[in-house]
Amino acid sequence: MVLNKLKDKGLLEWQDKKMSTALLMWRSADEWAKLIFNWAERRGMTNTVCTLYELQLGNDVKDEEFFEIETWVLKRALRVLEKKGKAVMIDIQANDNDNSGGIKFLS
């Protein structure tokens, strides 16, 4: 099934056990995480706190592929960075649509 292949590639997340509703990404959370962390390193943002709003809509990201990224996708990418020890999430809300809080990129 096509949807299962997308899930295996990290491009789809089922939202219910019946697999009737899903979130679809055109890049995996891992791919987004790499793009965001590379940006942070290029900009000298390691060991610095950045808000989710700045990562989505800030002047410094206007030319980046993740500019205007949806909040739920951004949070998944940042969780990947946190699990890899490359970032610490600060005051991130559980609501996928809430872009309050921040992230500290680690070197």
C-alpha atoms as a PDB file:
ATOM      1  CA  MET A   1       0.000   0.000   0.000  1.00  0.00           C
ATOM      2  CA  VAL A   2       1.294   3.457  -0.935  1.00  0.00           C
ATOM      3  CA  LEU A   3       0.468   5.001   2.445  1.00  0.00           C
ATOM      4  CA  ASN A   4       2.450   2.363   4.314  1.00  0.00           C
ATOM      5  CA  LYS A   5       5.483   3.077   2.119  1.00  0.00           C
ATOM      6  CA  LEU A   6       5.152   6.771   2.896  1.00  0.00           C
ATOM      7  CA  LYS A   7       4.983   5.949   6.614  1.00  0.00           C
ATOM      8  CA  ASP A   8       8.081   3.745   6.333  1.00  0.00           C
ATOM      9  CA  LYS A   9       9.934   6.681   4.767  1.00  0.00           C
ATOM     10  CA  GLY A  10       8.854   9.006   7.599  1.00  0.00           C
ATOM     11  CA  LEU A  11       6.581  11.046   5.353  1.00  0.00           C
ATOM     12  CA  LEU A  12       3.242  10.061   6.885  1.00  0.00           C
ATOM     13  CA  GLU A  13       1.900   9.840  10.444  1.00  0.00           C
ATOM     14  CA  TRP A  14      -1.348   8.109  11.209  1.00  0.00           C
ATOM     15  CA  GLN A  15      -3.544  10.163  13.533  1.00  0.00           C
ATOM     16  CA  ASP A  16      -5.769   7.330  14.705  1.00  0.00           C
ATOM     17  CA  LYS A  17      -5.583   3.585  15.246  1.00  0.00           C
ATOM     18  CA  LYS A  18      -8.070   2.922  12.441  1.00  0.00           C
ATOM     19  CA  MET A  19      -5.645   4.588   9.997  1.00  0.00           C
ATOM     20  CA  SER A  20      -8.378   6.782   8.586  1.00  0.00           C
ATOM     21  CA  THR A  21      -6.646  10.137   9.148  1.00  0.00           C
ATOM     22  CA  ALA A  22      -3.017  10.976   8.498  1.00  0.00           C
ATOM     23  CA  LEU A  23      -0.571  13.863   8.377  1.00  0.00           C
ATOM     24  CA  LEU A  24       1.529  13.915   5.217  1.00  0.00           C
ATOM     25  CA  MET A  25       4.925  15.612   4.851  1.00  0.00           C
ATOM     26  CA  TRP A  26       6.861  16.167   1.647  1.00  0.00           C
ATOM     27  CA  ARG A  27      10.108  15.815   3.648  1.00  0.00           C
ATOM     28  CA  SER A  28      10.671  13.593   6.652  1.00  0.00           C
ATOM     29  CA  ALA A  29      11.199  15.083  10.105  1.00  0.00           C
ATOM     30  CA  ASP A  30      14.840  13.913   9.839  1.00  0.00           C
ATOM     31  CA  GLU A  31      15.329  15.843   6.597  1.00  0.00           C
ATOM     32  CA  TRP A  32      13.752  18.989   8.057  1.00  0.00           C
ATOM     33  CA  ALA A  33      15.910  18.585  11.173  1.00  0.00           C
ATOM     34  CA  LYS A  34      19.083  18.497   9.063  1.00  0.00           C
ATOM     35  CA  LEU A  35      18.079  21.623   7.134  1.00  0.00           C
ATOM     36  CA  ILE A  36      17.252  23.522  10.309  1.00  0.00           C
ATOM     37  CA  PHE A  37      20.404  22.461  12.169  1.00  0.00           C
ATOM     38  CA  ASN A  38      22.613  23.286   9.177  1.00  0.00           C
ATOM     39  CA  TRP A  39      21.032  26.746   9.108  1.00  0.00           C
ATOM     40  CA  ALA A  40      21.697  27.177  12.848  1.00  0.00           C
ATOM     41  CA  GLU A  41      25.350  26.208  12.404  1.00  0.00           C
ATOM     42  CA  ARG A  42      25.824  28.488   9.367  1.00  0.00           C
ATOM     43  CA  ARG A  43      24.278  31.418  11.242  1.00  0.00           C
ATOM     44  CA  GLY A  44      26.304  30.807  14.389  1.00  0.00           C
ATOM     45  CA  MET A  45      23.143  30.009  16.354  1.00  0.00           C
ATOM     46  CA  THR A  46      24.554  27.093  18.347  1.00  0.00           C
ATOM     47  CA  ASN A  47      24.282  27.629  22.110  1.00  0.00           C
ATOM     48  CA  THR A  48      21.645  30.259  21.368  1.00  0.00           C
ATOM     49  CA  VAL A  49      17.900  30.178  21.999  1.00  0.00           C
ATOM     50  CA  CYS A  50      15.601  30.779  19.054  1.00  0.00           C
ATOM     51  CA  THR A  51      11.805  30.963  19.172  1.00  0.00           C
ATOM     52  CA  LEU A  52       9.610  28.756  17.023  1.00  0.00           C
ATOM     53  CA  TYR A  53       8.144  31.916  15.535  1.00  0.00           C
ATOM     54  CA  GLU A  54      11.631  33.041  14.448  1.00  0.00           C
ATOM     55  CA  LEU A  55      12.247  29.659  12.817  1.00  0.00           C
ATOM     56  CA  GLN A  56       8.971  29.843  10.918  1.00  0.00           C
ATOM     57  CA  LEU A  57       8.618  33.496  10.017  1.00  0.00           C
ATOM     58  CA  GLY A  58      11.748  35.390  11.056  1.00  0.00           C
ATOM     59  CA  ASN A  59      13.730  37.638   8.733  1.00  0.00           C
ATOM     60  CA  ASP A  60      16.737  35.337   9.084  1.00  0.00           C
ATOM     61  CA  VAL A  61      14.874  32.386   7.533  1.00  0.00           C
ATOM     62  CA  LYS A  62      13.048  34.093   4.655  1.00  0.00           C
ATOM     63  CA  ASP A  63      15.364  32.471   2.110  1.00  0.00           C
ATOM     64  CA  GLU A  64      15.372  29.047   3.769  1.00  0.00           C
ATOM     65  CA  GLU A  65      13.376  26.038   2.608  1.00  0.00           C
ATOM     66  CA  PHE A  66      11.706  25.829   6.022  1.00  0.00           C
ATOM     67  CA  PHE A  67      10.362  29.417   5.910  1.00  0.00           C
ATOM     68  CA  GLU A  68       6.642  29.275   6.798  1.00  0.00           C
ATOM     69  CA  ILE A  69       6.936  25.607   7.751  1.00  0.00           C
ATOM     70  CA  GLU A  70       3.802  24.359   9.484  1.00  0.00           C
ATOM     71  CA  THR A  71       4.128  24.258  13.261  1.00  0.00           C
ATOM     72  CA  TRP A  72       3.413  20.531  13.567  1.00  0.00           C
ATOM     73  CA  VAL A  73       6.173  19.707  11.058  1.00  0.00           C
ATOM     74  CA  LEU A  74       8.615  22.056  12.777  1.00  0.00           C
ATOM     75  CA  LYS A  75       7.958  20.469  16.162  1.00  0.00           C
ATOM     76  CA  ARG A  76       8.610  16.995  14.795  1.00  0.00           C
ATOM     77  CA  ALA A  77      11.899  18.149  13.269  1.00  0.00           C
ATOM     78  CA  LEU A  78      12.955  19.786  16.522  1.00  0.00           C
ATOM     79  CA  ARG A  79      12.127  16.613  18.450  1.00  0.00           C
ATOM     80  CA  VAL A  80      14.515  14.766  16.127  1.00  0.00           C
ATOM     81  CA  LEU A  81      17.260  17.259  16.971  1.00  0.00           C
ATOM     82  CA  GLU A  82      16.521  16.920  20.671  1.00  0.00           C
ATOM     83  CA  LYS A  83      16.678  13.111  20.514  1.00  0.00           C
ATOM     84  CA  LYS A  84      20.049  13.365  18.753  1.00  0.00           C
ATOM     85  CA  GLY A  85      21.365  15.716  21.445  1.00  0.00           C
ATOM     86  CA  LYS A  86      21.653  18.637  19.032  1.00  0.00           C
ATOM     87  CA  ALA A  87      18.990  20.809  20.646  1.00  0.00           C
ATOM     88  CA  VAL A  88      16.911  21.382  23.765  1.00  0.00           C
ATOM     89  CA  MET A  89      13.269  22.348  23.427  1.00  0.00           C
ATOM     90  CA  ILE A  90      12.091  25.083  25.805  1.00  0.00           C
ATOM     91  CA  ASP A  91       8.457  25.565  26.879  1.00  0.00           C
ATOM     92  CA  ILE A  92       7.096  23.781  23.809  1.00  0.00           C
ATOM     93  CA  GLN A  93       3.351  23.229  24.047  1.00  0.00           C
ATOM     94  CA  ALA A  94       1.791  19.864  23.241  1.00  0.00           C
ATOM     95  CA  ASN A  95      -0.702  21.476  20.849  1.00  0.00           C
ATOM     96  CA  ASP A  96       0.674  20.949  17.326  1.00  0.00           C
ATOM     97  CA  ASN A  97      -0.582  24.367  16.203  1.00  0.00           C
ATOM     98  CA  ASP A  98       0.936  26.411  19.064  1.00  0.00           C
ATOM     99  CA  ASN A  99       4.208  27.999  17.984  1.00  0.00           C
ATOM    100  CA  SER A 100       5.128  29.405  21.383  1.00  0.00           C
ATOM    101  CA  GLY A 101       8.320  28.259  23.027  1.00  0.00           C
ATOM    102  CA  GLY A 102      11.828  27.960  21.752  1.00  0.00           C
ATOM    103  CA  ILE A 103      14.778  25.783  20.959  1.00  0.00           C
ATOM    104  CA  LYS A 104      18.414  25.962  21.993  1.00  0.00           C
ATOM    105  CA  PHE A 105      20.760  24.522  19.402  1.00  0.00           C
ATOM    106  CA  LEU A 106      23.734  22.714  20.890  1.00  0.00           C
ATOM    107  CA  SER A 107      27.201  22.549  19.383  1.00  0.00           C
END
